[in-house]
Amino acid sequence: MTQKMAVDYDTMIPNNVGLSSDRRVLKALERWHPGYIKWWGNLGPVGFQESKVYLRTAVSVDSKGWAKFDYVKMPEYRWGILLAPQVEGRTIACGEHYGEPAWQEVPGEYRSMLRRLIVIQGDTEPASVEQQRFLGKTAPSQYDMRNLFQVNVEEGRHLWAMVYLLQKYFGSDGREEANEMLRRQSGSAETPRMLGAFNEETPDWLSFFMFTYFTDRDGKMQLEALAQSGFDPLSRSCRFMLTEEAHHMFVGETGVGRTIQRTCEAMNEAGISDPYDVEKVRALGVIDLPTIQKKLNLHYTLSLDLFGSEVSTNAANAFNAGIKGRYQEIKIDDDHQLNNATYAASQFIDGKITSMDVPALTAINMRLRDDYSKDALGGVKRWNQIISKANIEFELKLPHSGFHRKIGVFDHAPITPDGRVVTWDEWEKSRDEWLPSKADGDFIQSLMKPEWEPGKYANWIAPPRVGIDNKPGDFEYVQLHMA
C-alpha cells in the first residue's frame, strides 16, 4: 500500500513534501534559491539562457503521466522537490537494523555518515552541468541540443533533492553543506568537485554521450543503493531521481549508437571495409570505430573509479548501519546482513592479477561495481549489433577492470585493456592505442560544427529513430535566442 502525494505549486519551489506548512525549511530553501540561480547563470549552459527549450517538467510522482512537455527558458524551469510515494510499513532492508521500521528522522549515531553520503551524491549533480556547459555551441542538431538541456535541468533538480534533505534534516551543518555545493566547481584548482570523474572536461559530443552512458550509469547504481536506505526520505528521493536518470542513459546509449551507425553508413557508402584504415574513414567526416573504442575505454575506467576501493570499511559501515544497501537489495536472496558471507574480490599482488574471497560486508563496493559492469554490457552489445548489421568486422569491448585505474587495488597498475600485466614502459608506449590522444581529440573537435536547423543533423551522427514526445523530424526543439 502506498500513499500518493500531489505536487504543490503554491510556493516558488514545486514540491510534494508539504513545504507550505514547513516554514523553516521553506525559508531556508528560498534563501538558497538566489545563489542557485546565480550559479546556473554563471556555470550552466553558455549562450542559451534566453532560448525557449521544449523540456519535460515533473508534475507528479505517479509512474504514469508524471511529466509534461512545454517550451520554457531554462532559468525559469520549475525545479522542484519530489519524493516517491511513502510505502506504508516499509522496513530497513539491510544491516544490523534489518527488518526494523524505516527511519523518518536521522538516527543520531549515523548523522555524520548519512550527511556525507548525501553531500557526495549532491555534489555530482551540478558538477556534470558545469562539465557540459559549452556543448550547446556545437550541438549536432536541435534534437541533441534539447536532450543536453533536459539532462542539465534534471541534474539541477537532483541537486535540489539533496539540498532539501540537507536543509530539513541536518540543521546549520546541512545549510553550510548546501552552500558549499554552489562554491565548488568542476576542474577548479582551488575548489574542485569531490569525485575525480567530475573534474574531467567534457570537450565534445562523443564525450558527452559516453559520460551519460557510463558515468550516469554509475549514478544509477549509487541511487539504487541509496534507494535501499533505512532513512526513508533519502530512499524516496532516490527512487524518484531514478525515473529521470533513465533518460540520461538513453541519451548516452542512443547518442553513441547513432555515431556508430553514421560511421558504418559512411564506410559502406565509400566502399571501405577495414575499420582500422583510420585516415580513410576520418576523411569521410565521421569518427572511426577504433577511436570510439578509445573513448569507451576512457569513460568506462573513469566511471569504475567512482565506486571507490574494492574492499572498504566505509562501505561496510554504511551497509551495516542500514543507510546504503546493495543494487536491488530486496531482490537478493540472503540474510541481508552478510553474516559469515564472502565475495570474490580482485587483487593485484606481486605484479599478478588474482581473486580472493573476502568478507562480503567489506566487498560492498566490489559487488556494486560488478553489477555496474554487467549493466553497462547491455548497451555495448547493442552497439555491436549496429556494426554487425553493417557487415563490418569490429567489436567494441569493455576493457579489463584493472586498466587505467587510479583508485583501488589496480591504482596505477600497468594492465592492458585485455588484462595483461606489462611493464610501465610498454604501457606508456601503447597508451595512444588504448586511450584518446591529443590528435584524436583534435580530430573529433574538428567535426564539432553546429547544426541548428530543425530536422538537420551534423554529418558525423545519424538521426534518431523517433522524436521526443512523438514530435516530427523537423520539430523546433529549441527556439533560439542567442546571448
Protein backbone atom coordinates (compact mmCIF):
# COMPACT_ATOMS: atom_id res chain seq x y z
CA MET A 1 0.00 0.00 0.00
CA THR A 2 1.48 3.37 -0.99
CA GLN A 3 0.45 6.91 -0.24
CA LYS A 4 0.14 9.32 -3.20
CA MET A 5 1.21 12.93 -2.76
CA ALA A 6 0.07 15.76 -5.01
CA VAL A 7 2.58 18.35 -6.19
CA ASP A 8 2.07 21.79 -4.65
CA TYR A 9 2.74 24.76 -6.95
CA ASP A 10 1.76 27.47 -4.43
CA THR A 11 5.36 28.15 -3.41
CA MET A 12 8.35 29.24 -5.51
CA ILE A 13 9.52 25.63 -5.24
CA PRO A 14 7.16 22.95 -6.62
CA ASN A 15 7.09 20.11 -4.12
CA ASN A 16 5.19 17.19 -2.68
CA VAL A 17 6.77 17.39 0.78
CA GLY A 18 4.44 19.96 2.35
CA LEU A 19 6.78 22.96 2.19
CA SER A 20 3.86 25.38 2.62
CA SER A 21 3.44 24.18 6.18
CA ASP A 22 7.16 23.75 6.89
CA ARG A 23 8.08 27.41 7.09
CA ARG A 24 11.59 26.88 8.47
CA VAL A 25 12.71 24.69 5.57
CA LEU A 26 10.82 26.76 3.00
CA LYS A 27 12.60 29.93 4.17
CA ALA A 28 15.97 28.16 4.12
CA LEU A 29 15.39 26.97 0.55
CA GLU A 30 14.17 30.40 -0.55
CA ARG A 31 17.39 31.87 0.83
CA TRP A 32 19.40 29.26 -1.09
CA HIS A 33 17.46 29.79 -4.33
CA PRO A 34 19.12 33.08 -5.48
CA GLY A 35 22.57 31.52 -5.11
CA TYR A 36 21.43 28.57 -7.19
CA ILE A 37 20.07 30.84 -9.95
CA LYS A 38 23.32 32.80 -9.90
CA TRP A 39 25.27 29.54 -10.19
CA TRP A 40 23.06 28.41 -13.10
CA GLY A 41 23.64 31.72 -14.87
CA ASN A 42 27.41 31.63 -14.35
CA LEU A 43 28.15 27.94 -14.80
CA GLY A 44 25.11 26.49 -16.59
CA PRO A 45 24.67 26.22 -20.38
CA VAL A 46 26.55 29.05 -22.07
CA GLY A 47 24.69 31.19 -24.60
CA PHE A 48 21.19 29.71 -24.37
CA GLN A 49 19.69 31.15 -21.20
CA GLU A 50 17.12 33.18 -23.16
CA SER A 51 16.22 30.41 -25.61
CA LYS A 52 12.94 28.56 -25.14
CA VAL A 53 13.54 24.82 -24.91
CA TYR A 54 10.96 22.05 -25.29
CA LEU A 55 11.57 20.49 -21.89
CA ARG A 56 9.99 17.82 -19.75
CA THR A 57 8.97 19.03 -16.29
CA ALA A 58 7.99 16.67 -13.49
CA VAL A 59 4.44 17.40 -12.32
CA SER A 60 3.70 14.18 -10.45
CA VAL A 61 5.40 11.16 -8.93
CA ASP A 62 2.89 8.75 -10.41
CA SER A 63 4.63 6.26 -12.70
CA LYS A 64 2.10 7.10 -15.43
CA GLY A 65 1.87 10.64 -16.71
CA TRP A 66 4.41 12.08 -14.29
CA ALA A 67 5.74 14.78 -16.62
CA LYS A 68 4.55 17.39 -19.11
CA PHE A 69 6.37 18.88 -22.12
CA ASP A 70 6.40 22.57 -22.99
CA TYR A 71 8.67 25.42 -24.01
CA VAL A 72 10.47 27.10 -21.12
CA LYS A 73 13.55 29.26 -20.64
CA MET A 74 16.00 27.23 -18.59
CA PRO A 75 16.44 29.79 -15.76
CA GLU A 76 12.63 29.69 -15.37
CA TYR A 77 12.44 25.89 -15.21
CA ARG A 78 10.33 24.71 -12.27
CA TRP A 79 12.97 22.83 -10.30
CA GLY A 80 11.13 21.04 -7.55
CA ILE A 81 11.47 18.72 -4.60
CA LEU A 82 9.73 15.47 -5.37
CA LEU A 83 9.82 12.28 -3.34
CA ALA A 84 8.42 8.96 -4.45
CA PRO A 85 5.27 7.98 -2.52
CA GLN A 86 5.83 6.74 1.00
CA VAL A 87 5.44 2.98 1.34
CA GLU A 88 3.39 2.17 4.40
CA GLY A 89 5.10 -0.23 6.78
CA ARG A 90 8.45 -0.04 4.98
CA THR A 91 11.26 -1.66 6.92
CA ILE A 92 15.05 -1.33 6.80
CA ALA A 93 16.39 -3.54 4.00
CA CYS A 94 19.84 -4.46 5.29
CA GLY A 95 22.39 -4.40 8.09
CA GLU A 96 22.09 -4.77 11.82
CA HIS A 97 18.72 -2.95 11.80
CA TYR A 98 17.28 -5.27 9.14
CA GLY A 99 13.50 -5.60 9.47
CA GLU A 100 13.08 -2.62 11.81
CA PRO A 101 10.75 0.24 10.74
CA ALA A 102 12.43 2.68 8.32
CA TRP A 103 13.59 5.93 9.91
CA GLN A 104 11.67 9.13 9.21
CA GLU A 105 14.29 11.18 11.08
CA VAL A 106 18.08 10.93 11.05
CA PRO A 107 19.41 8.49 13.66
CA GLY A 108 21.92 10.39 15.79
CA GLU A 109 24.62 7.72 15.63
CA TYR A 110 24.60 7.78 11.82
CA ARG A 111 24.21 11.51 11.30
CA SER A 112 27.75 12.18 10.04
CA MET A 113 27.87 9.14 7.74
CA LEU A 114 24.48 9.90 6.25
CA ARG A 115 25.27 13.57 5.68
CA ARG A 116 28.47 12.68 3.83
CA LEU A 117 26.66 10.25 1.51
CA ILE A 118 24.07 12.91 0.67
CA VAL A 119 26.74 15.56 0.08
CA ILE A 120 28.78 13.30 -2.23
CA GLN A 121 25.68 12.42 -4.25
CA GLY A 122 24.57 16.05 -4.34
CA ASP A 123 27.99 17.31 -5.43
CA THR A 124 27.95 15.21 -8.61
CA GLU A 125 24.77 16.85 -9.90
CA PRO A 126 25.96 20.45 -10.50
CA ALA A 127 29.38 19.10 -11.48
CA SER A 128 28.07 17.45 -14.65
CA VAL A 129 26.20 20.64 -15.62
CA GLU A 130 29.47 22.56 -15.31
CA GLN A 131 31.34 19.94 -17.36
CA GLN A 132 28.77 20.22 -20.18
CA ARG A 133 28.18 23.98 -20.18
CA PHE A 134 29.82 24.73 -23.54
CA LEU A 135 28.39 21.82 -25.54
CA GLY A 136 25.29 23.65 -26.76
CA LYS A 137 27.51 25.77 -29.00
CA THR A 138 28.49 22.70 -31.05
CA ALA A 139 25.23 20.73 -30.92
CA PRO A 140 24.91 18.42 -33.94
CA SER A 141 21.14 19.01 -34.09
CA GLN A 142 18.28 20.68 -32.26
CA TYR A 143 17.22 17.23 -31.06
CA ASP A 144 20.59 16.70 -29.39
CA MET A 145 20.74 20.23 -28.04
CA ARG A 146 17.36 19.78 -26.38
CA ASN A 147 18.45 16.44 -24.88
CA LEU A 148 21.57 18.08 -23.46
CA PHE A 149 19.49 20.80 -21.82
CA GLN A 150 17.00 18.25 -20.48
CA VAL A 151 19.84 16.36 -18.83
CA ASN A 152 21.19 19.63 -17.43
CA VAL A 153 17.94 20.83 -15.84
CA GLU A 154 17.32 17.39 -14.34
CA GLU A 155 20.79 17.30 -12.82
CA GLY A 156 19.85 20.66 -11.34
CA ARG A 157 16.67 19.17 -9.91
CA HIS A 158 18.64 16.32 -8.40
CA LEU A 159 20.81 18.89 -6.65
CA TRP A 160 17.61 20.40 -5.22
CA ALA A 161 16.59 16.95 -3.98
CA MET A 162 19.80 16.52 -1.96
CA VAL A 163 19.78 20.14 -0.76
CA TYR A 164 16.26 19.67 0.60
CA LEU A 165 17.42 16.70 2.68
CA LEU A 166 20.38 18.69 4.00
CA GLN A 167 18.25 21.76 4.83
CA LYS A 168 15.47 19.80 6.51
CA TYR A 169 17.35 17.17 8.46
CA PHE A 170 20.86 18.48 9.18
CA GLY A 171 20.37 21.98 10.60
CA SER A 172 23.18 24.53 10.29
CA ASP A 173 25.63 21.85 9.09
CA GLY A 174 23.23 20.98 6.27
CA ARG A 175 22.79 24.63 5.28
CA GLU A 176 26.56 25.09 5.11
CA GLU A 177 26.96 21.93 3.01
CA ALA A 178 24.24 23.17 0.63
CA ASN A 179 26.10 26.45 0.17
CA GLU A 180 29.41 24.63 -0.39
CA MET A 181 27.90 22.73 -3.31
CA LEU A 182 27.47 26.05 -5.10
CA ARG A 183 31.03 27.14 -4.23
CA ARG A 184 32.84 24.11 -5.59
CA GLN A 185 33.41 23.99 -9.35
CA SER A 186 34.32 21.18 -11.73
CA GLY A 187 38.01 21.30 -12.62
CA SER A 188 38.82 24.15 -10.23
CA ALA A 189 42.34 24.05 -8.79
CA GLU A 190 41.19 25.65 -5.53
CA THR A 191 37.70 24.19 -5.00
CA PRO A 192 37.26 21.11 -7.21
CA ARG A 193 34.31 18.75 -7.13
CA MET A 194 34.62 15.86 -4.68
CA LEU A 195 34.97 12.94 -7.14
CA GLY A 196 37.66 12.72 -9.82
CA ALA A 197 35.48 11.89 -12.84
CA PHE A 198 33.51 15.09 -12.21
CA ASN A 199 36.59 17.26 -12.62
CA GLU A 200 37.33 15.95 -16.12
CA GLU A 201 36.47 18.02 -19.19
CA THR A 202 33.61 17.07 -21.50
CA PRO A 203 35.15 18.61 -24.63
CA ASP A 204 32.96 17.15 -27.37
CA TRP A 205 29.66 15.41 -28.01
CA LEU A 206 31.07 11.89 -28.16
CA SER A 207 32.47 12.52 -24.67
CA PHE A 208 29.02 13.71 -23.58
CA PHE A 209 27.34 10.58 -24.91
CA MET A 210 29.95 8.34 -23.25
CA PHE A 211 29.57 10.30 -20.00
CA THR A 212 25.80 9.96 -19.96
CA TYR A 213 26.06 6.25 -20.77
CA PHE A 214 28.85 5.25 -18.40
CA THR A 215 29.10 7.89 -15.67
CA ASP A 216 25.37 8.47 -15.31
CA ARG A 217 25.08 4.69 -15.06
CA ASP A 218 27.34 4.87 -12.01
CA GLY A 219 24.82 7.45 -10.77
CA LYS A 220 22.05 4.94 -11.36
CA MET A 221 23.87 2.28 -9.33
CA GLN A 222 24.58 4.68 -6.47
CA LEU A 223 20.97 5.90 -6.48
CA GLU A 224 19.73 2.29 -6.48
CA ALA A 225 21.92 1.57 -3.46
CA LEU A 226 20.74 4.73 -1.66
CA ALA A 227 17.13 3.90 -2.56
CA GLN A 228 17.57 0.91 -0.20
CA SER A 229 18.43 3.29 2.66
CA GLY A 230 16.78 2.85 6.03
CA PHE A 231 16.47 6.67 6.10
CA ASP A 232 13.15 6.85 4.30
CA PRO A 233 13.30 10.44 2.94
CA LEU A 234 16.60 9.61 1.21
CA SER A 235 15.18 6.38 -0.19
CA ARG A 236 12.13 8.18 -1.56
CA SER A 237 14.24 10.98 -3.09
CA CYS A 238 16.46 8.49 -4.90
CA ARG A 239 13.57 6.38 -6.13
CA PHE A 240 12.11 9.34 -7.99
CA MET A 241 15.53 10.52 -9.22
CA LEU A 242 15.96 7.11 -10.87
CA THR A 243 12.89 7.83 -13.00
CA GLU A 244 14.68 10.84 -14.51
CA GLU A 245 18.13 9.22 -14.60
CA ALA A 246 16.87 6.64 -17.11
CA HIS A 247 16.57 9.39 -19.74
CA HIS A 248 20.22 10.39 -19.28
CA MET A 249 21.43 6.88 -20.04
CA PHE A 250 19.06 6.72 -23.02
CA VAL A 251 20.69 9.88 -24.38
CA GLY A 252 24.11 8.28 -23.95
CA GLU A 253 23.32 4.90 -25.43
CA THR A 254 21.43 6.23 -28.45
CA GLY A 255 23.99 9.03 -28.98
CA VAL A 256 26.89 6.58 -29.19
CA GLY A 257 24.72 4.23 -31.26
CA ARG A 258 23.84 6.95 -33.76
CA THR A 259 27.53 7.93 -34.02
CA ILE A 260 28.44 4.30 -34.77
CA GLN A 261 25.57 3.98 -37.25
CA ARG A 262 26.68 7.03 -39.23
CA THR A 263 30.29 5.80 -39.31
CA CYS A 264 29.19 2.42 -40.62
CA GLU A 265 26.90 4.01 -43.22
CA ALA A 266 29.69 6.29 -44.46
CA MET A 267 32.14 3.38 -44.67
CA ASN A 268 29.70 1.29 -46.68
CA GLU A 269 28.84 4.19 -48.99
CA ALA A 270 32.56 4.74 -49.65
CA GLY A 271 33.31 1.02 -50.03
CA ILE A 272 35.68 0.95 -47.04
CA SER A 273 35.63 -2.41 -45.26
CA ASP A 274 38.67 -2.04 -42.99
CA PRO A 275 37.69 -0.15 -39.80
CA TYR A 276 41.39 0.23 -38.93
CA ASP A 277 42.05 2.31 -42.05
CA VAL A 278 41.57 5.30 -39.79
CA GLU A 279 42.70 8.05 -42.14
CA LYS A 280 40.36 6.93 -44.93
CA VAL A 281 37.42 6.71 -42.52
CA ARG A 282 38.16 10.09 -40.98
CA ALA A 283 38.33 11.64 -44.43
CA LEU A 284 34.60 10.87 -44.68
CA GLY A 285 33.94 13.29 -41.81
CA VAL A 286 32.92 10.58 -39.31
CA ILE A 287 34.52 9.14 -36.17
CA ASP A 288 36.38 5.89 -36.78
CA LEU A 289 35.47 2.85 -34.68
CA PRO A 290 38.91 2.43 -33.01
CA THR A 291 38.63 5.99 -31.67
CA ILE A 292 35.14 5.24 -30.37
CA GLN A 293 36.69 2.24 -28.55
CA LYS A 294 39.32 4.54 -27.02
CA LYS A 295 36.63 6.90 -25.78
CA LEU A 296 34.75 3.92 -24.34
CA ASN A 297 37.93 2.80 -22.54
CA LEU A 298 38.41 6.23 -21.01
CA HIS A 299 34.89 6.84 -19.75
CA TYR A 300 34.33 3.30 -18.51
CA THR A 301 37.52 3.32 -16.45
CA LEU A 302 36.89 6.79 -15.03
CA SER A 303 33.46 5.55 -14.00
CA LEU A 304 34.89 2.42 -12.33
CA ASP A 305 36.97 4.68 -10.07
CA LEU A 306 33.75 6.25 -8.77
CA PHE A 307 32.95 3.03 -6.92
CA GLY A 308 35.92 3.51 -4.59
CA SER A 309 38.18 0.81 -3.20
CA GLU A 310 37.11 -2.77 -3.85
CA VAL A 311 37.43 -3.61 -0.16
CA SER A 312 36.15 -0.79 2.04
CA THR A 313 35.33 -0.48 5.72
CA ASN A 314 33.36 2.73 4.96
CA ALA A 315 31.07 0.83 2.58
CA ALA A 316 30.76 -1.98 5.14
CA ASN A 317 29.82 0.50 7.85
CA ALA A 318 27.16 2.15 5.66
CA PHE A 319 25.64 -1.23 4.81
CA ASN A 320 25.79 -2.46 8.40
CA ALA A 321 24.13 0.76 9.56
CA GLY A 322 21.32 0.21 7.03
CA ILE A 323 21.82 3.57 5.32
CA LYS A 324 23.05 2.25 1.94
CA GLY A 325 22.26 -1.16 0.50
CA ARG A 326 23.36 -3.17 -2.50
CA TYR A 327 21.93 -2.92 -6.01
CA GLN A 328 18.30 -4.10 -5.80
CA GLU A 329 18.85 -5.24 -2.22
CA ILE A 330 15.33 -6.51 -1.63
CA LYS A 331 15.63 -8.93 -4.58
CA ILE A 332 18.77 -10.61 -3.23
CA ASP A 333 18.18 -14.00 -1.62
CA ASP A 334 20.36 -13.92 1.51
CA ASP A 335 20.16 -12.74 5.13
CA HIS A 336 20.74 -9.04 4.14
CA GLN A 337 23.26 -8.85 6.96
CA LEU A 338 26.08 -10.82 5.33
CA ASN A 339 26.91 -12.81 8.42
CA ASN A 340 29.82 -15.11 7.52
CA ALA A 341 29.30 -14.45 3.77
CA THR A 342 32.24 -13.99 1.40
CA TYR A 343 32.66 -12.37 -2.02
CA ALA A 344 35.39 -12.77 -4.64
CA ALA A 345 37.37 -9.52 -4.81
CA SER A 346 40.06 -8.60 -7.32
CA GLN A 347 43.64 -8.35 -6.06
CA PHE A 348 46.89 -7.17 -7.63
CA ILE A 349 49.73 -8.78 -5.70
CA ASP A 350 53.38 -9.03 -6.74
CA GLY A 351 52.50 -7.95 -10.25
CA LYS A 352 49.79 -10.56 -10.72
CA ILE A 353 46.01 -10.26 -11.00
CA THR A 354 44.22 -12.66 -8.69
CA SER A 355 40.88 -13.06 -6.99
CA MET A 356 40.43 -13.68 -3.30
CA ASP A 357 37.40 -14.40 -1.15
CA VAL A 358 36.96 -11.62 1.39
CA PRO A 359 34.17 -10.88 3.87
CA ALA A 360 31.18 -9.84 1.73
CA LEU A 361 30.49 -6.99 4.12
CA THR A 362 33.76 -5.29 3.17
CA ALA A 363 33.29 -6.04 -0.57
CA ILE A 364 30.10 -3.98 -0.99
CA ASN A 365 31.82 -1.62 -3.46
CA MET A 366 33.20 -4.54 -5.44
CA ARG A 367 29.77 -6.13 -5.78
CA LEU A 368 28.17 -2.84 -6.84
CA ARG A 369 30.92 -2.33 -9.42
CA ASP A 370 30.40 -5.86 -10.77
CA ASP A 371 26.66 -5.18 -11.06
CA TYR A 372 27.52 -1.95 -12.89
CA SER A 373 29.74 -3.75 -15.41
CA LYS A 374 27.02 -6.29 -16.16
CA ASP A 375 24.53 -3.45 -16.62
CA ALA A 376 26.88 -1.49 -18.88
CA LEU A 377 27.48 -4.51 -21.10
CA GLY A 378 23.93 -4.39 -22.47
CA GLY A 379 24.42 -1.19 -24.43
CA VAL A 380 27.81 -2.32 -25.73
CA LYS A 381 26.14 -5.43 -27.16
CA ARG A 382 23.52 -3.26 -28.87
CA TRP A 383 26.24 -1.04 -30.34
CA ASN A 384 27.95 -4.13 -31.70
CA GLN A 385 24.70 -5.22 -33.34
CA ILE A 386 24.72 -1.96 -35.33
CA ILE A 387 28.26 -2.73 -36.54
CA SER A 388 27.38 -6.34 -37.32
CA LYS A 389 24.30 -5.36 -39.35
CA ALA A 390 26.56 -3.11 -41.44
CA ASN A 391 28.76 -6.17 -42.16
CA ILE A 392 31.85 -4.51 -40.69
CA GLU A 393 34.27 -6.69 -38.74
CA PHE A 394 34.81 -4.82 -35.48
CA GLU A 395 33.73 -5.44 -31.91
CA LEU A 396 33.58 -2.89 -29.11
CA LYS A 397 34.58 -4.29 -25.72
CA LEU A 398 34.62 -3.20 -22.10
CA PRO A 399 38.29 -3.14 -21.02
CA HIS A 400 39.59 -5.16 -18.08
CA SER A 401 38.67 -3.64 -14.73
CA GLY A 402 42.36 -3.15 -13.92
CA PHE A 403 43.06 -0.98 -16.95
CA HIS A 404 43.73 2.75 -16.46
CA ARG A 405 42.70 2.83 -12.81
CA LYS A 406 43.54 5.49 -10.23
CA ILE A 407 41.62 4.15 -7.25
CA GLY A 408 41.57 0.75 -5.55
CA VAL A 409 43.77 -2.34 -5.87
CA PHE A 410 44.64 -1.54 -9.51
CA ASP A 411 45.71 2.04 -8.79
CA HIS A 412 48.35 2.90 -11.45
CA ALA A 413 48.88 -0.79 -12.31
CA PRO A 414 50.34 -1.35 -15.82
CA ILE A 415 47.47 -3.51 -17.10
CA THR A 416 46.32 -3.56 -20.72
CA PRO A 417 42.67 -3.40 -21.85
CA ASP A 418 42.70 -7.18 -22.40
CA GLY A 419 44.01 -7.81 -18.86
CA ARG A 420 47.69 -8.44 -19.47
CA VAL A 421 50.27 -7.14 -16.99
CA VAL A 422 53.12 -5.36 -18.80
CA THR A 423 55.97 -3.05 -17.81
CA TRP A 424 55.28 0.64 -17.39
CA ASP A 425 57.48 1.39 -20.39
CA GLU A 426 55.37 -0.95 -22.54
CA TRP A 427 52.16 0.55 -21.19
CA GLU A 428 53.25 4.12 -21.91
CA LYS A 429 54.41 3.22 -25.42
CA SER A 430 50.97 1.79 -26.23
CA ARG A 431 48.91 4.38 -24.37
CA ASP A 432 47.69 6.15 -27.51
CA GLU A 433 46.44 2.83 -28.92
CA TRP A 434 44.13 2.44 -25.91
CA LEU A 435 43.15 5.94 -24.82
CA PRO A 436 42.29 9.08 -26.81
CA SER A 437 45.41 11.01 -27.82
CA LYS A 438 45.61 14.75 -28.35
CA ALA A 439 45.44 14.09 -32.10
CA ASP A 440 42.25 12.07 -31.61
CA GLY A 441 40.76 14.88 -29.57
CA ASP A 442 41.75 17.46 -32.17
CA PHE A 443 40.13 15.40 -34.92
CA ILE A 444 36.86 14.99 -33.02
CA GLN A 445 36.88 18.71 -32.27
CA SER A 446 37.24 19.42 -35.99
CA LEU A 447 33.89 17.66 -36.54
CA MET A 448 32.08 19.63 -33.83
CA LYS A 449 30.38 22.08 -36.17
CA PRO A 450 26.91 23.15 -35.03
CA GLU A 451 23.81 22.14 -36.98
CA TRP A 452 20.83 24.02 -35.57
CA GLU A 453 18.33 23.94 -38.42
CA PRO A 454 15.31 21.87 -37.31
CA GLY A 455 15.43 18.39 -38.83
CA LYS A 456 19.08 18.64 -39.92
CA TYR A 457 21.98 16.65 -38.41
CA ALA A 458 25.76 17.03 -38.48
CA ASN A 459 27.46 14.64 -40.88
CA TRP A 460 29.07 12.54 -38.13
CA ILE A 461 25.83 11.41 -36.45
CA ALA A 462 22.68 9.66 -37.69
CA PRO A 463 19.17 10.97 -36.94
CA PRO A 464 17.22 9.27 -34.13
CA ARG A 465 14.56 6.71 -34.95
CA VAL A 466 11.80 8.69 -33.21
CA GLY A 467 11.41 12.23 -31.98
CA ILE A 468 10.91 13.46 -28.43
CA ASP A 469 7.30 13.35 -27.26
CA ASN A 470 6.42 11.83 -30.67
CA LYS A 471 7.27 15.08 -32.47
CA PRO A 472 8.01 15.07 -36.23
CA GLY A 473 11.56 15.06 -37.56
CA ASP A 474 11.67 18.80 -38.32
CA PHE A 475 10.21 19.90 -34.97
CA GLU A 476 11.78 23.05 -33.49
CA TYR A 477 13.01 21.70 -30.15
CA VAL A 478 14.83 24.93 -29.26
CA GLN A 479 13.55 28.40 -30.14
CA LEU A 480 16.95 30.00 -30.34
CA HIS A 481 17.66 33.36 -28.74
CA MET A 482 21.43 33.62 -28.68
CA ALA A 483 23.01 35.60 -25.84
